[in-house]
Amino acid sequence: MAEVVLRCEGLHKKYGARVAVDGVGFDITEGETYGLLGPNGAGKTTTISMVVGILSRDAGTVTIDGRPHDVHRTSVKRLIGYVPQELALYPDLTAAENLRFFGRLAGLSGRRLRRRADEVLDVVGLSQRAGDRVRTFSGGMARRLHIGVGLLHDPRLLVLDEPTAGVDPQSRNAILDSVHELAGTGIAVLYTTHYMEEAERLCDRVGILDAGTIKAEGTRRDLISLLGRDDEVRLLADGDLAAAARALSELPEVTRVDRADSTVVLLVAEAAAALPTVLATAARTGLTVRSVQVREPDLEAVFLHLTGRALRD
């Protein structure tokens, strides 16, 4: 079995009367990417700040590689690579100079530092820009270099707080590709985001965080099973919608039928297989279908189901 790299239990944090984090706990094993998915203000940054040891906690425990961790344990912090939302780079230094500077702060020197800097530049796809000043970089390139700084000292746990915030789509894809490759190296990754598609693309397991608590946790399949895994089929149509809804509700594949204005909405097990039968049944009732939309359950739908609001509200 994979070794547990991070274990946190019962994390609590209050700011005055406001509870920011209320009993959060989860594990991450080596080679696993764990996503904290939630809207801005859900408590993601507060949680990871307690995990990495830059914010004291009111209650709870954190262990890294089985070693207790808090704000005072400098030796354990060396096991963590932390990439915060705010860039911490020197724009007048080159990419390589930034890495050498931060590498020396992490205790690296000489040949080992040069080798790690070269390896990290390759991982984040910036080898060709090693000698360019960071002020000439796009926002996405700077973000990738920022991730490289977090990787320099070869940490056991890499913590990424909204690493794609404010970058263009091309740079975002490059960042996601870099993070995906890290899982193959055995590093444990804690990834916070409010983008559902990032969590679905990258994360082996996801914790859905809202109002400071984890509402549910598991693989994508685990979480979607909370919705029953039915697909949603929307028929925009003309005709007798009531008659069509009655006929469609009798199909064994259909678990629910709703109608509003000129739309019939169905919940269907395996929509791709059931769609020909659905359309044929609708046609027999005299319905003229103008468009069909099929939506498979996703993490955003799970979030709405658990919290009663959209992910980015």
C-alpha atoms as a PDB file:
ATOM      1  CA  MET A   1       0.000   0.000   0.000  1.00  0.00           C
ATOM      2  CA  ALA A   2       1.102   3.569  -0.684  1.00  0.00           C
ATOM      3  CA  GLU A   3       2.536   5.385   2.302  1.00  0.00           C
ATOM      4  CA  VAL A   4       0.542   8.237   3.848  1.00  0.00           C
ATOM      5  CA  VAL A   5       2.496  11.472   3.423  1.00  0.00           C
ATOM      6  CA  LEU A   6       0.008  13.963   4.899  1.00  0.00           C
ATOM      7  CA  ARG A   7      -2.577  13.295   7.572  1.00  0.00           C
ATOM      8  CA  CYS A   8      -4.614  16.096   9.113  1.00  0.00           C
ATOM      9  CA  GLU A   9      -7.463  15.624  11.549  1.00  0.00           C
ATOM     10  CA  GLY A  10     -10.014  17.934  13.136  1.00  0.00           C
ATOM     11  CA  LEU A  11      -8.556  21.238  11.936  1.00  0.00           C
ATOM     12  CA  HIS A  12     -10.308  24.272  13.423  1.00  0.00           C
ATOM     13  CA  LYS A  13      -9.666  27.982  12.936  1.00  0.00           C
ATOM     14  CA  LYS A  14     -11.690  30.994  14.064  1.00  0.00           C
ATOM     15  CA  TYR A  15     -11.230  34.689  13.371  1.00  0.00           C
ATOM     16  CA  GLY A  16     -13.119  36.376  16.146  1.00  0.00           C
ATOM     17  CA  ALA A  17     -16.662  35.027  16.016  1.00  0.00           C
ATOM     18  CA  ARG A  18     -16.283  33.735  12.440  1.00  0.00           C
ATOM     19  CA  VAL A  19     -15.435  30.059  12.011  1.00  0.00           C
ATOM     20  CA  ALA A  20     -13.203  29.731   8.932  1.00  0.00           C
ATOM     21  CA  VAL A  21     -12.383  26.013   9.211  1.00  0.00           C
ATOM     22  CA  ASP A  22     -14.497  23.600  11.227  1.00  0.00           C
ATOM     23  CA  GLY A  23     -13.217  20.043  11.727  1.00  0.00           C
ATOM     24  CA  VAL A  24     -11.444  19.497   8.408  1.00  0.00           C
ATOM     25  CA  GLY A  25      -9.469  16.285   8.009  1.00  0.00           C
ATOM     26  CA  PHE A  26      -8.041  14.175   5.163  1.00  0.00           C
ATOM     27  CA  ASP A  27      -5.055  12.007   4.156  1.00  0.00           C
ATOM     28  CA  ILE A  28      -2.830  12.100   1.062  1.00  0.00           C
ATOM     29  CA  THR A  29      -0.627   9.189   0.033  1.00  0.00           C
ATOM     30  CA  GLU A  30       2.573   9.257  -2.016  1.00  0.00           C
ATOM     31  CA  GLY A  31       1.898   9.684  -5.734  1.00  0.00           C
ATOM     32  CA  GLU A  32      -1.636  10.951  -5.074  1.00  0.00           C
ATOM     33  CA  THR A  33      -3.116  14.298  -6.049  1.00  0.00           C
ATOM     34  CA  TYR A  34      -5.811  15.386  -3.604  1.00  0.00           C
ATOM     35  CA  GLY A  35      -8.043  18.327  -4.514  1.00  0.00           C
ATOM     36  CA  LEU A  36      -9.797  20.720  -2.172  1.00  0.00           C
ATOM     37  CA  LEU A  37     -12.676  21.947  -4.321  1.00  0.00           C
ATOM     38  CA  GLY A  38     -14.747  24.904  -3.228  1.00  0.00           C
ATOM     39  CA  PRO A  39     -15.695  28.501  -3.969  1.00  0.00           C
ATOM     40  CA  ASN A  40     -13.682  31.505  -2.862  1.00  0.00           C
ATOM     41  CA  GLY A  41     -14.110  31.949   0.876  1.00  0.00           C
ATOM     42  CA  ALA A  42     -14.769  28.258   1.556  1.00  0.00           C
ATOM     43  CA  GLY A  43     -11.708  27.911   3.797  1.00  0.00           C
ATOM     44  CA  LYS A  44      -9.244  26.378   1.323  1.00  0.00           C
ATOM     45  CA  THR A  45      -6.377  28.802   1.887  1.00  0.00           C
ATOM     46  CA  THR A  46      -6.862  28.789   5.660  1.00  0.00           C
ATOM     47  CA  THR A  47      -6.761  24.979   5.639  1.00  0.00           C
ATOM     48  CA  ILE A  48      -3.550  24.700   3.650  1.00  0.00           C
ATOM     49  CA  SER A  49      -1.930  27.494   5.673  1.00  0.00           C
ATOM     50  CA  MET A  50      -2.424  25.318   8.749  1.00  0.00           C
ATOM     51  CA  VAL A  51      -1.180  22.254   6.872  1.00  0.00           C
ATOM     52  CA  VAL A  52       2.091  23.893   5.798  1.00  0.00           C
ATOM     53  CA  GLY A  53       2.644  25.500   9.214  1.00  0.00           C
ATOM     54  CA  ILE A  54       2.422  29.201   8.466  1.00  0.00           C
ATOM     55  CA  LEU A  55      -0.830  29.612  10.409  1.00  0.00           C
ATOM     56  CA  SER A  56      -1.491  28.300  13.900  1.00  0.00           C
ATOM     57  CA  ARG A  57      -4.584  26.200  14.388  1.00  0.00           C
ATOM     58  CA  ASP A  58      -7.093  26.377  17.217  1.00  0.00           C
ATOM     59  CA  ALA A  59      -7.461  22.589  17.278  1.00  0.00           C
ATOM     60  CA  GLY A  60      -6.541  19.500  15.303  1.00  0.00           C
ATOM     61  CA  THR A  61      -3.374  17.661  14.251  1.00  0.00           C
ATOM     62  CA  VAL A  62      -1.130  17.566  11.178  1.00  0.00           C
ATOM     63  CA  THR A  63       1.505  14.927  10.472  1.00  0.00           C
ATOM     64  CA  ILE A  64       3.937  14.823   7.543  1.00  0.00           C
ATOM     65  CA  ASP A  65       5.574  11.442   6.921  1.00  0.00           C
ATOM     66  CA  GLY A  66       4.350  10.427  10.370  1.00  0.00           C
ATOM     67  CA  ARG A  67       6.004  13.401  12.080  1.00  0.00           C
ATOM     68  CA  PRO A  68       3.873  15.927  14.027  1.00  0.00           C
ATOM     69  CA  HIS A  69       3.861  19.354  12.399  1.00  0.00           C
ATOM     70  CA  ASP A  70       3.023  22.882  13.514  1.00  0.00           C
ATOM     71  CA  VAL A  71       4.268  26.444  13.050  1.00  0.00           C
ATOM     72  CA  HIS A  72       7.402  25.807  15.163  1.00  0.00           C
ATOM     73  CA  ARG A  73       8.717  22.621  13.493  1.00  0.00           C
ATOM     74  CA  THR A  74      11.201  23.907  10.929  1.00  0.00           C
ATOM     75  CA  SER A  75      12.634  20.472  10.204  1.00  0.00           C
ATOM     76  CA  VAL A  76       9.247  19.118   9.107  1.00  0.00           C
ATOM     77  CA  LYS A  77       8.630  22.159   6.895  1.00  0.00           C
ATOM     78  CA  ARG A  78      11.571  21.024   4.771  1.00  0.00           C
ATOM     79  CA  LEU A  79       9.409  18.126   3.628  1.00  0.00           C
ATOM     80  CA  ILE A  80       6.872  20.548   2.118  1.00  0.00           C
ATOM     81  CA  GLY A  81       6.935  22.572  -1.085  1.00  0.00           C
ATOM     82  CA  TYR A  82       4.422  25.411  -0.802  1.00  0.00           C
ATOM     83  CA  VAL A  83       3.240  27.446  -3.803  1.00  0.00           C
ATOM     84  CA  PRO A  84       0.921  30.241  -2.578  1.00  0.00           C
ATOM     85  CA  GLN A  85      -1.478  32.254  -4.708  1.00  0.00           C
ATOM     86  CA  GLU A  86       0.722  35.366  -4.623  1.00  0.00           C
ATOM     87  CA  LEU A  87       3.866  35.145  -6.754  1.00  0.00           C
ATOM     88  CA  ALA A  88       7.118  35.290  -4.787  1.00  0.00           C
ATOM     89  CA  LEU A  89       9.689  35.782  -7.551  1.00  0.00           C
ATOM     90  CA  TYR A  90      12.291  38.459  -8.309  1.00  0.00           C
ATOM     91  CA  PRO A  91      11.380  40.006 -11.688  1.00  0.00           C
ATOM     92  CA  ASP A  92      14.859  41.410 -12.359  1.00  0.00           C
ATOM     93  CA  LEU A  93      16.512  38.018 -11.956  1.00  0.00           C
ATOM     94  CA  THR A  94      16.444  35.327 -14.628  1.00  0.00           C
ATOM     95  CA  ALA A  95      14.528  32.101 -14.148  1.00  0.00           C
ATOM     96  CA  ALA A  96      17.755  30.234 -13.343  1.00  0.00           C
ATOM     97  CA  GLU A  97      18.892  32.960 -10.926  1.00  0.00           C
ATOM     98  CA  ASN A  98      15.564  32.816  -9.091  1.00  0.00           C
ATOM     99  CA  LEU A  99      15.885  29.069  -8.708  1.00  0.00           C
ATOM    100  CA  ARG A 100      19.480  29.297  -7.480  1.00  0.00           C
ATOM    101  CA  PHE A 101      18.516  31.981  -4.950  1.00  0.00           C
ATOM    102  CA  PHE A 102      15.587  30.026  -3.520  1.00  0.00           C
ATOM    103  CA  GLY A 103      17.586  26.807  -3.693  1.00  0.00           C
ATOM    104  CA  ARG A 104      20.264  28.275  -1.443  1.00  0.00           C
ATOM    105  CA  LEU A 105      17.547  29.328   1.017  1.00  0.00           C
ATOM    106  CA  ALA A 106      16.453  25.672   1.054  1.00  0.00           C
ATOM    107  CA  GLY A 107      20.004  24.527   1.858  1.00  0.00           C
ATOM    108  CA  LEU A 108      21.086  23.464  -1.632  1.00  0.00           C
ATOM    109  CA  SER A 109      24.437  24.438  -3.104  1.00  0.00           C
ATOM    110  CA  GLY A 110      27.023  23.633  -5.731  1.00  0.00           C
ATOM    111  CA  ARG A 111      26.491  20.836  -8.209  1.00  0.00           C
ATOM    112  CA  ARG A 112      23.331  19.577  -6.526  1.00  0.00           C
ATOM    113  CA  LEU A 113      21.693  23.003  -6.790  1.00  0.00           C
ATOM    114  CA  ARG A 114      22.617  23.373 -10.463  1.00  0.00           C
ATOM    115  CA  ARG A 115      21.302  19.897 -11.226  1.00  0.00           C
ATOM    116  CA  ARG A 116      18.007  20.475  -9.390  1.00  0.00           C
ATOM    117  CA  ALA A 117      17.514  23.856 -11.081  1.00  0.00           C
ATOM    118  CA  ASP A 118      17.966  22.231 -14.495  1.00  0.00           C
ATOM    119  CA  GLU A 119      15.610  19.371 -13.604  1.00  0.00           C
ATOM    120  CA  VAL A 120      12.941  21.738 -12.321  1.00  0.00           C
ATOM    121  CA  LEU A 121      13.138  23.961 -15.403  1.00  0.00           C
ATOM    122  CA  ASP A 122      12.552  20.869 -17.510  1.00  0.00           C
ATOM    123  CA  VAL A 123       9.582  19.748 -15.390  1.00  0.00           C
ATOM    124  CA  VAL A 124       7.825  23.123 -15.737  1.00  0.00           C
ATOM    125  CA  GLY A 125       8.742  23.502 -19.410  1.00  0.00           C
ATOM    126  CA  LEU A 126      10.990  26.569 -19.100  1.00  0.00           C
ATOM    127  CA  SER A 127      14.429  25.190 -20.020  1.00  0.00           C
ATOM    128  CA  GLN A 128      14.557  27.421 -23.107  1.00  0.00           C
ATOM    129  CA  ARG A 129      13.853  30.519 -20.984  1.00  0.00           C
ATOM    130  CA  ALA A 130      16.337  29.809 -18.176  1.00  0.00           C
ATOM    131  CA  GLY A 131      18.410  32.900 -18.984  1.00  0.00           C
ATOM    132  CA  ASP A 132      15.508  35.324 -19.434  1.00  0.00           C
ATOM    133  CA  ARG A 133      14.475  37.790 -16.769  1.00  0.00           C
ATOM    134  CA  VAL A 134      11.194  36.954 -15.072  1.00  0.00           C
ATOM    135  CA  ARG A 135       9.805  40.407 -15.848  1.00  0.00           C
ATOM    136  CA  THR A 136       9.627  39.313 -19.514  1.00  0.00           C
ATOM    137  CA  PHE A 137       7.508  36.257 -18.657  1.00  0.00           C
ATOM    138  CA  SER A 138       3.789  35.949 -19.184  1.00  0.00           C
ATOM    139  CA  GLY A 139       1.654  35.379 -16.113  1.00  0.00           C
ATOM    140  CA  GLY A 140       1.413  31.689 -16.895  1.00  0.00           C
ATOM    141  CA  MET A 141       5.165  31.277 -17.310  1.00  0.00           C
ATOM    142  CA  ALA A 142       5.752  33.025 -13.996  1.00  0.00           C
ATOM    143  CA  ARG A 143       3.249  30.675 -12.358  1.00  0.00           C
ATOM    144  CA  ARG A 144       5.097  27.672 -13.750  1.00  0.00           C
ATOM    145  CA  LEU A 145       8.416  28.976 -12.432  1.00  0.00           C
ATOM    146  CA  HIS A 146       6.712  29.561  -9.089  1.00  0.00           C
ATOM    147  CA  ILE A 147       5.783  25.874  -9.006  1.00  0.00           C
ATOM    148  CA  GLY A 148       9.402  25.074  -9.857  1.00  0.00           C
ATOM    149  CA  VAL A 149      10.579  26.946  -6.760  1.00  0.00           C
ATOM    150  CA  GLY A 150       8.313  24.745  -4.651  1.00  0.00           C
ATOM    151  CA  LEU A 151       9.876  21.624  -6.196  1.00  0.00           C
ATOM    152  CA  LEU A 152      13.546  22.608  -5.830  1.00  0.00           C
ATOM    153  CA  HIS A 153      14.302  20.863  -2.538  1.00  0.00           C
ATOM    154  CA  ASP A 154      12.546  17.645  -3.676  1.00  0.00           C
ATOM    155  CA  PRO A 155       9.697  17.780  -1.134  1.00  0.00           C
ATOM    156  CA  ARG A 156       7.525  14.856  -0.056  1.00  0.00           C
ATOM    157  CA  LEU A 157       4.395  17.055  -0.219  1.00  0.00           C
ATOM    158  CA  LEU A 158       3.689  19.808  -2.754  1.00  0.00           C
ATOM    159  CA  VAL A 159       0.929  22.245  -1.802  1.00  0.00           C
ATOM    160  CA  LEU A 160      -0.555  24.322  -4.638  1.00  0.00           C
ATOM    161  CA  ASP A 161      -3.034  27.081  -3.766  1.00  0.00           C
ATOM    162  CA  GLU A 162      -5.069  28.097  -6.839  1.00  0.00           C
ATOM    163  CA  PRO A 163      -2.017  27.834  -9.151  1.00  0.00           C
ATOM    164  CA  THR A 164      -3.930  28.759 -12.330  1.00  0.00           C
ATOM    165  CA  ALA A 165      -5.566  31.917 -10.987  1.00  0.00           C
ATOM    166  CA  GLY A 166      -5.518  34.707 -13.557  1.00  0.00           C
ATOM    167  CA  VAL A 167      -3.634  32.915 -16.343  1.00  0.00           C
ATOM    168  CA  ASP A 168      -4.561  32.426 -19.990  1.00  0.00           C
ATOM    169  CA  PRO A 169      -5.961  29.066 -21.210  1.00  0.00           C
ATOM    170  CA  GLN A 170      -2.720  27.958 -22.878  1.00  0.00           C
ATOM    171  CA  SER A 171      -0.653  28.619 -19.761  1.00  0.00           C
ATOM    172  CA  ARG A 172      -3.316  26.975 -17.636  1.00  0.00           C
ATOM    173  CA  ASN A 173      -3.045  23.787 -19.674  1.00  0.00           C
ATOM    174  CA  ALA A 174       0.735  23.854 -19.342  1.00  0.00           C
ATOM    175  CA  ILE A 175       0.447  24.188 -15.558  1.00  0.00           C
ATOM    176  CA  LEU A 176      -2.053  21.330 -15.350  1.00  0.00           C
ATOM    177  CA  ASP A 177       0.185  19.128 -17.495  1.00  0.00           C
ATOM    178  CA  SER A 178       3.145  19.866 -15.212  1.00  0.00           C
ATOM    179  CA  VAL A 179       1.153  18.991 -12.099  1.00  0.00           C
ATOM    180  CA  HIS A 180      -0.144  15.792 -13.706  1.00  0.00           C
ATOM    181  CA  GLU A 181       3.407  14.634 -14.428  1.00  0.00           C
ATOM    182  CA  LEU A 182       4.429  15.103 -10.794  1.00  0.00           C
ATOM    183  CA  ALA A 183       2.166  12.269  -9.637  1.00  0.00           C
ATOM    184  CA  GLY A 184       4.377   9.825 -11.513  1.00  0.00           C
ATOM    185  CA  THR A 185       7.385  10.870  -9.422  1.00  0.00           C
ATOM    186  CA  GLY A 186       5.768   9.721  -6.167  1.00  0.00           C
ATOM    187  CA  ILE A 187       5.241  13.171  -4.725  1.00  0.00           C
ATOM    188  CA  ALA A 188       1.999  13.827  -2.818  1.00  0.00           C
ATOM    189  CA  VAL A 189       0.112  16.883  -4.094  1.00  0.00           C
ATOM    190  CA  LEU A 190      -2.487  18.974  -2.272  1.00  0.00           C
ATOM    191  CA  TYR A 191      -4.268  21.106  -4.866  1.00  0.00           C
ATOM    192  CA  THR A 192      -6.861  23.781  -4.125  1.00  0.00           C
ATOM    193  CA  THR A 193      -9.138  25.138  -6.810  1.00  0.00           C
ATOM    194  CA  HIS A 194     -12.598  26.522  -7.478  1.00  0.00           C
ATOM    195  CA  TYR A 195     -12.510  25.157 -11.032  1.00  0.00           C
ATOM    196  CA  MET A 196     -14.440  21.901 -11.228  1.00  0.00           C
ATOM    197  CA  GLU A 197     -12.769  20.859 -14.483  1.00  0.00           C
ATOM    198  CA  GLU A 198      -9.308  21.122 -12.912  1.00  0.00           C
ATOM    199  CA  ALA A 199     -10.308  18.835 -10.062  1.00  0.00           C
ATOM    200  CA  GLU A 200     -11.813  16.322 -12.504  1.00  0.00           C
ATOM    201  CA  ARG A 201      -8.719  16.376 -14.709  1.00  0.00           C
ATOM    202  CA  LEU A 202      -6.011  16.178 -12.054  1.00  0.00           C
ATOM    203  CA  CYS A 203      -7.214  14.776  -8.781  1.00  0.00           C
ATOM    204  CA  ASP A 204      -7.310  11.152  -7.675  1.00  0.00           C
ATOM    205  CA  ARG A 205      -9.597  12.147  -4.806  1.00  0.00           C
ATOM    206  CA  VAL A 206     -11.491  15.328  -4.040  1.00  0.00           C
ATOM    207  CA  GLY A 207     -12.766  16.902  -0.852  1.00  0.00           C
ATOM    208  CA  ILE A 208     -15.688  19.264  -1.427  1.00  0.00           C
ATOM    209  CA  LEU A 209     -15.189  22.165   0.963  1.00  0.00           C
ATOM    210  CA  ASP A 210     -17.871  24.726   1.772  1.00  0.00           C
ATOM    211  CA  ALA A 211     -18.267  27.094   4.710  1.00  0.00           C
ATOM    212  CA  GLY A 212     -15.211  25.613   6.374  1.00  0.00           C
ATOM    213  CA  THR A 213     -16.315  21.967   6.367  1.00  0.00           C
ATOM    214  CA  ILE A 214     -15.761  19.025   4.028  1.00  0.00           C
ATOM    215  CA  LYS A 215     -19.204  18.047   2.759  1.00  0.00           C
ATOM    216  CA  ALA A 216     -18.043  14.906   0.958  1.00  0.00           C
ATOM    217  CA  GLU A 217     -14.831  13.203  -0.089  1.00  0.00           C
ATOM    218  CA  GLY A 218     -13.817  10.524  -2.545  1.00  0.00           C
ATOM    219  CA  THR A 219     -12.963   9.739  -6.135  1.00  0.00           C
ATOM    220  CA  ARG A 220     -14.937  11.365  -8.925  1.00  0.00           C
ATOM    221  CA  ARG A 221     -16.969   8.161  -9.237  1.00  0.00           C
ATOM    222  CA  ASP A 222     -17.633   8.083  -5.494  1.00  0.00           C
ATOM    223  CA  LEU A 223     -18.908  11.657  -5.465  1.00  0.00           C
ATOM    224  CA  ILE A 224     -21.036  11.361  -8.579  1.00  0.00           C
ATOM    225  CA  SER A 225     -22.674   8.262  -7.090  1.00  0.00           C
ATOM    226  CA  LEU A 226     -24.246  10.643  -4.564  1.00  0.00           C
ATOM    227  CA  LEU A 227     -26.430  11.844  -7.448  1.00  0.00           C
ATOM    228  CA  GLY A 228     -27.401   8.352  -8.547  1.00  0.00           C
ATOM    229  CA  ARG A 229     -25.204   8.671 -11.666  1.00  0.00           C
ATOM    230  CA  ASP A 230     -28.176   9.409 -13.937  1.00  0.00           C
ATOM    231  CA  ASP A 231     -27.604  11.628 -16.963  1.00  0.00           C
ATOM    232  CA  GLU A 232     -29.764  14.670 -17.651  1.00  0.00           C
ATOM    233  CA  VAL A 233     -31.454  14.879 -21.068  1.00  0.00           C
ATOM    234  CA  ARG A 234     -33.142  18.121 -22.121  1.00  0.00           C
ATOM    235  CA  LEU A 235     -35.563  18.092 -25.045  1.00  0.00           C
ATOM    236  CA  LEU A 236     -36.481  21.466 -26.486  1.00  0.00           C
ATOM    237  CA  ALA A 237     -39.688  20.665 -28.357  1.00  0.00           C
ATOM    238  CA  ASP A 238     -43.061  21.736 -29.750  1.00  0.00           C
ATOM    239  CA  GLY A 239     -46.287  19.821 -29.161  1.00  0.00           C
ATOM    240  CA  ASP A 240     -48.102  18.237 -26.264  1.00  0.00           C
ATOM    241  CA  LEU A 241     -45.373  18.200 -23.626  1.00  0.00           C
ATOM    242  CA  ALA A 242     -47.684  16.731 -20.998  1.00  0.00           C
ATOM    243  CA  ALA A 243     -48.475  13.686 -23.148  1.00  0.00           C
ATOM    244  CA  ALA A 244     -44.819  13.240 -24.025  1.00  0.00           C
ATOM    245  CA  ALA A 245     -43.797  13.466 -20.371  1.00  0.00           C
ATOM    246  CA  ARG A 246     -46.328  10.781 -19.423  1.00  0.00           C
ATOM    247  CA  ALA A 247     -45.106   8.427 -22.147  1.00  0.00           C
ATOM    248  CA  LEU A 248     -41.443   9.032 -21.362  1.00  0.00           C
ATOM    249  CA  SER A 249     -41.970   8.414 -17.650  1.00  0.00           C
ATOM    250  CA  GLU A 250     -43.055   4.850 -18.457  1.00  0.00           C
ATOM    251  CA  LEU A 251     -39.709   3.952 -20.042  1.00  0.00           C
ATOM    252  CA  PRO A 252     -37.583   1.780 -17.712  1.00  0.00           C
ATOM    253  CA  GLU A 253     -34.465   3.825 -18.478  1.00  0.00           C
ATOM    254  CA  VAL A 254     -36.093   7.065 -17.292  1.00  0.00           C
ATOM    255  CA  THR A 255     -36.032   7.749 -13.542  1.00  0.00           C
ATOM    256  CA  ARG A 256     -37.575  11.220 -13.537  1.00  0.00           C
ATOM    257  CA  VAL A 257     -39.407  13.598 -15.901  1.00  0.00           C
ATOM    258  CA  ASP A 258     -39.989  17.339 -15.485  1.00  0.00           C
ATOM    259  CA  ARG A 259     -41.319  19.886 -17.938  1.00  0.00           C
ATOM    260  CA  ALA A 260     -41.207  23.653 -18.110  1.00  0.00           C
ATOM    261  CA  ASP A 261     -42.231  25.978 -20.940  1.00  0.00           C
ATOM    262  CA  SER A 262     -41.077  24.220 -24.108  1.00  0.00           C
ATOM    263  CA  THR A 263     -38.624  21.834 -22.455  1.00  0.00           C
ATOM    264  CA  VAL A 264     -38.875  18.280 -21.156  1.00  0.00           C
ATOM    265  CA  VAL A 265     -36.090  17.333 -18.732  1.00  0.00           C
ATOM    266  CA  LEU A 266     -35.351  13.668 -18.098  1.00  0.00           C
ATOM    267  CA  LEU A 267     -33.030  11.839 -15.724  1.00  0.00           C
ATOM    268  CA  VAL A 268     -31.853   8.775 -17.631  1.00  0.00           C
ATOM    269  CA  ALA A 269     -29.548   5.887 -16.828  1.00  0.00           C
ATOM    270  CA  GLU A 270     -26.938   5.660 -19.612  1.00  0.00           C
ATOM    271  CA  ALA A 271     -28.305   8.438 -21.824  1.00  0.00           C
ATOM    272  CA  ALA A 272     -26.167   7.478 -24.833  1.00  0.00           C
ATOM    273  CA  ALA A 273     -27.809   4.058 -25.036  1.00  0.00           C
ATOM    274  CA  ALA A 274     -31.315   5.254 -24.147  1.00  0.00           C
ATOM    275  CA  LEU A 275     -31.505   8.291 -26.432  1.00  0.00           C
ATOM    276  CA  PRO A 276     -32.881   6.490 -29.553  1.00  0.00           C
ATOM    277  CA  THR A 277     -35.744   5.035 -27.470  1.00  0.00           C
ATOM    278  CA  VAL A 278     -36.412   8.394 -25.824  1.00  0.00           C
ATOM    279  CA  LEU A 279     -36.621  10.210 -29.165  1.00  0.00           C
ATOM    280  CA  ALA A 280     -38.774   7.517 -30.758  1.00  0.00           C
ATOM    281  CA  THR A 281     -41.208   7.639 -27.828  1.00  0.00           C
ATOM    282  CA  ALA A 282     -41.383  11.432 -27.970  1.00  0.00           C
ATOM    283  CA  ALA A 283     -42.075  11.294 -31.707  1.00  0.00           C
ATOM    284  CA  ARG A 284     -44.940   8.813 -31.220  1.00  0.00           C
ATOM    285  CA  THR A 285     -46.714  11.353 -29.000  1.00  0.00           C
ATOM    286  CA  GLY A 286     -46.499  13.918 -31.793  1.00  0.00           C
ATOM    287  CA  LEU A 287     -43.665  15.908 -30.179  1.00  0.00           C
ATOM    288  CA  THR A 288     -41.364  17.790 -32.553  1.00  0.00           C
ATOM    289  CA  VAL A 289     -37.919  17.871 -30.949  1.00  0.00           C
ATOM    290  CA  ARG A 290     -35.912  20.942 -31.938  1.00  0.00           C
ATOM    291  CA  SER A 291     -32.764  20.256 -29.902  1.00  0.00           C
ATOM    292  CA  VAL A 292     -31.324  17.702 -27.494  1.00  0.00           C
ATOM    293  CA  GLN A 293     -28.851  18.378 -24.710  1.00  0.00           C
ATOM    294  CA  VAL A 294     -27.212  15.616 -22.698  1.00  0.00           C
ATOM    295  CA  ARG A 295     -25.364  16.417 -19.500  1.00  0.00           C
ATOM    296  CA  GLU A 296     -23.498  13.792 -17.542  1.00  0.00           C
ATOM    297  CA  PRO A 297     -23.181  14.299 -13.777  1.00  0.00           C
ATOM    298  CA  ASP A 298     -20.056  16.226 -12.786  1.00  0.00           C
ATOM    299  CA  LEU A 299     -18.454  17.609  -9.659  1.00  0.00           C
ATOM    300  CA  GLU A 300     -20.237  20.912 -10.062  1.00  0.00           C
ATOM    301  CA  ALA A 301     -23.566  19.090  -9.964  1.00  0.00           C
ATOM    302  CA  VAL A 302     -22.410  17.252  -6.848  1.00  0.00           C
ATOM    303  CA  PHE A 303     -21.440  20.550  -5.232  1.00  0.00           C
ATOM    304  CA  LEU A 304     -24.846  22.023  -6.018  1.00  0.00           C
ATOM    305  CA  HIS A 305     -26.515  18.905  -4.616  1.00  0.00           C
ATOM    306  CA  LEU A 306     -24.521  19.062  -1.359  1.00  0.00           C
ATOM    307  CA  THR A 307     -24.549  22.804  -0.715  1.00  0.00           C
ATOM    308  CA  GLY A 308     -27.594  24.142  -2.564  1.00  0.00           C
ATOM    309  CA  ARG A 309     -25.514  26.625  -4.551  1.00  0.00           C
ATOM    310  CA  ALA A 310     -23.295  26.708  -7.615  1.00  0.00           C
ATOM    311  CA  LEU A 311     -19.571  26.196  -7.216  1.00  0.00           C
ATOM    312  CA  ARG A 312     -18.614  29.780  -8.067  1.00  0.00           C
ATOM    313  CA  ASP A 313     -21.353  31.627  -6.202  1.00  0.00           C
END
